[in-house]
Each structure stands twice: as structure tokens, then as C-alpha cells.
Amino acid sequence: MVTPESIKSGIESGIACERIEVIGDGQHFQAVVVAHAFEGKSRVQRHQLVYRALGERMREEIHALSMQTLTPEEAKRNG
């Protein structure tokens, strides 16, 4: 079964995160990812980075993942 911890580990393996939080019930997950890698990127490009980090798991194991992807500066402004 997919767990929030396994999704967190997958994202961290592909993106150097300043902060990451993942919650979910085994079917639906929500993630907040804060990373310098998102600087200068559109929302779509940021999500593509996360999808790449998770690889095949996004197609095979993870059914629903909503994300908030922020740079460290955006995270500071959003409190």
C-alpha cells in the first residue's frame, strides 16, 4: 500500500526539498513541497518535476496527488 511516507521519500529522492509534508489515506494524497528547484518555473513545470521524481509510481500506484509547490521565498510569504 502507498503511504504518505513512501511518497515523501520518492519526492525527496528526486528533488532537494527545503520542506515537504505529505498526508493521505492510501488513495488520495496532498503534498506541500518547498524547494529551490522550483525557482523560475511555472506551476506545470514544478508539478512535472515532482512527477518525474515519483516516476512510474504516479502511473501505477498513486491514484490522486494534489500538490502545492513553492519556492522557499514563496513559503515565507505564505506563512
C-alpha atoms as a PDB file:
ATOM      1  CA  MET A   1       0.000   0.000   0.000  1.00  0.00           C
ATOM      2  CA  VAL A   2       1.176   3.521  -0.756  1.00  0.00           C
ATOM      3  CA  THR A   3       1.829   5.609   2.337  1.00  0.00           C
ATOM      4  CA  PRO A   4       2.466   9.324   2.804  1.00  0.00           C
ATOM      5  CA  GLU A   5       5.977   8.419   3.964  1.00  0.00           C
ATOM      6  CA  SER A   6       6.725   6.465   0.771  1.00  0.00           C
ATOM      7  CA  ILE A   7       5.556   9.376  -1.394  1.00  0.00           C
ATOM      8  CA  LYS A   8       7.648  11.778   0.681  1.00  0.00           C
ATOM      9  CA  SER A   9      10.721   9.557   0.227  1.00  0.00           C
ATOM     10  CA  GLY A  10      10.107   9.322  -3.505  1.00  0.00           C
ATOM     11  CA  ILE A  11       9.892  13.077  -3.919  1.00  0.00           C
ATOM     12  CA  GLU A  12      12.966  13.643  -1.745  1.00  0.00           C
ATOM     13  CA  SER A  13      14.958  11.162  -3.841  1.00  0.00           C
ATOM     14  CA  GLY A  14      14.499  13.366  -6.913  1.00  0.00           C
ATOM     15  CA  ILE A  15      14.274  16.904  -5.517  1.00  0.00           C
ATOM     16  CA  ALA A  16      16.330  18.599  -2.807  1.00  0.00           C
ATOM     17  CA  CYS A  17      13.486  19.823  -0.592  1.00  0.00           C
ATOM     18  CA  GLU A  18      13.642  22.577   1.981  1.00  0.00           C
ATOM     19  CA  ARG A  19      10.393  21.256   3.435  1.00  0.00           C
ATOM     20  CA  ILE A  20       7.959  18.540   2.475  1.00  0.00           C
ATOM     21  CA  GLU A  21       4.696  17.402   4.023  1.00  0.00           C
ATOM     22  CA  VAL A  22       2.529  14.603   2.668  1.00  0.00           C
ATOM     23  CA  ILE A  23      -0.794  13.455   4.084  1.00  0.00           C
ATOM     24  CA  GLY A  24      -3.246  10.930   2.748  1.00  0.00           C
ATOM     25  CA  ASP A  25      -5.433   7.912   3.269  1.00  0.00           C
ATOM     26  CA  GLY A  26      -3.813   5.361   0.934  1.00  0.00           C
ATOM     27  CA  GLN A  27      -5.849   6.515  -2.076  1.00  0.00           C
ATOM     28  CA  HIS A  28      -5.801  10.319  -2.069  1.00  0.00           C
ATOM     29  CA  PHE A  29      -2.782  12.370  -1.048  1.00  0.00           C
ATOM     30  CA  GLN A  30      -1.892  16.017  -0.555  1.00  0.00           C
ATOM     31  CA  ALA A  31       1.662  17.326  -0.642  1.00  0.00           C
ATOM     32  CA  VAL A  32       3.310  20.621   0.167  1.00  0.00           C
ATOM     33  CA  VAL A  33       6.773  20.741  -1.378  1.00  0.00           C
ATOM     34  CA  VAL A  34       9.162  23.646  -0.833  1.00  0.00           C
ATOM     35  CA  ALA A  35      12.306  23.577  -2.979  1.00  0.00           C
ATOM     36  CA  HIS A  36      14.813  25.897  -4.639  1.00  0.00           C
ATOM     37  CA  ALA A  37      14.382  23.749  -7.773  1.00  0.00           C
ATOM     38  CA  PHE A  38      11.022  25.457  -8.371  1.00  0.00           C
ATOM     39  CA  GLU A  39      12.538  28.938  -8.762  1.00  0.00           C
ATOM     40  CA  GLY A  40      11.753  30.422 -12.186  1.00  0.00           C
ATOM     41  CA  LYS A  41       9.419  27.553 -13.087  1.00  0.00           C
ATOM     42  CA  SER A  42       5.702  27.614 -13.860  1.00  0.00           C
ATOM     43  CA  ARG A  43       3.230  25.644 -11.801  1.00  0.00           C
ATOM     44  CA  VAL A  44       3.059  22.980 -14.522  1.00  0.00           C
ATOM     45  CA  GLN A  45       6.857  22.683 -14.658  1.00  0.00           C
ATOM     46  CA  ARG A  46       7.000  22.360 -10.874  1.00  0.00           C
ATOM     47  CA  HIS A  47       4.454  19.553 -10.915  1.00  0.00           C
ATOM     48  CA  GLN A  48       6.363  17.834 -13.717  1.00  0.00           C
ATOM     49  CA  LEU A  49       9.480  17.814 -11.506  1.00  0.00           C
ATOM     50  CA  VAL A  50       7.517  16.079  -8.753  1.00  0.00           C
ATOM     51  CA  TYR A  51       6.000  13.584 -11.216  1.00  0.00           C
ATOM     52  CA  ARG A  52       9.488  12.806 -12.545  1.00  0.00           C
ATOM     53  CA  ALA A  53      10.770  12.241  -9.012  1.00  0.00           C
ATOM     54  CA  LEU A  54       7.958   9.737  -8.384  1.00  0.00           C
ATOM     55  CA  GLY A  55       8.418   8.078 -11.785  1.00  0.00           C
ATOM     56  CA  GLU A  56       6.290   5.050 -12.609  1.00  0.00           C
ATOM     57  CA  ARG A  57       4.626   5.202  -9.215  1.00  0.00           C
ATOM     58  CA  MET A  58       2.494   8.116 -10.466  1.00  0.00           C
ATOM     59  CA  ARG A  59       1.055   5.901 -13.204  1.00  0.00           C
ATOM     60  CA  GLU A  60       0.800   2.661 -11.297  1.00  0.00           C
ATOM     61  CA  GLU A  61       0.401   3.196  -7.553  1.00  0.00           C
ATOM     62  CA  ILE A  62      -0.661   6.748  -6.760  1.00  0.00           C
ATOM     63  CA  HIS A  63      -4.226   7.448  -7.799  1.00  0.00           C
ATOM     64  CA  ALA A  64      -4.636  11.049  -6.667  1.00  0.00           C
ATOM     65  CA  LEU A  65      -2.000  13.548  -5.572  1.00  0.00           C
ATOM     66  CA  SER A  66      -2.740  17.235  -5.145  1.00  0.00           C
ATOM     67  CA  MET A  67       0.270  19.446  -4.672  1.00  0.00           C
ATOM     68  CA  GLN A  68       1.283  22.862  -3.529  1.00  0.00           C
ATOM     69  CA  THR A  69       4.765  23.561  -4.904  1.00  0.00           C
ATOM     70  CA  LEU A  70       6.561  26.605  -3.520  1.00  0.00           C
ATOM     71  CA  THR A  71       9.982  28.186  -3.568  1.00  0.00           C
ATOM     72  CA  PRO A  72      11.426  28.934  -0.108  1.00  0.00           C
ATOM     73  CA  GLU A  73      10.667  32.659  -0.670  1.00  0.00           C
ATOM     74  CA  GLU A  74       7.025  31.912  -1.568  1.00  0.00           C
ATOM     75  CA  ALA A  75       6.713  29.702   1.500  1.00  0.00           C
ATOM     76  CA  LYS A  76       7.960  32.547   3.727  1.00  0.00           C
ATOM     77  CA  ARG A  77       5.416  34.949   2.212  1.00  0.00           C
ATOM     78  CA  ASN A  78       2.564  32.445   2.616  1.00  0.00           C
ATOM     79  CA  GLY A  79       3.454  31.943   6.257  1.00  0.00           C
END
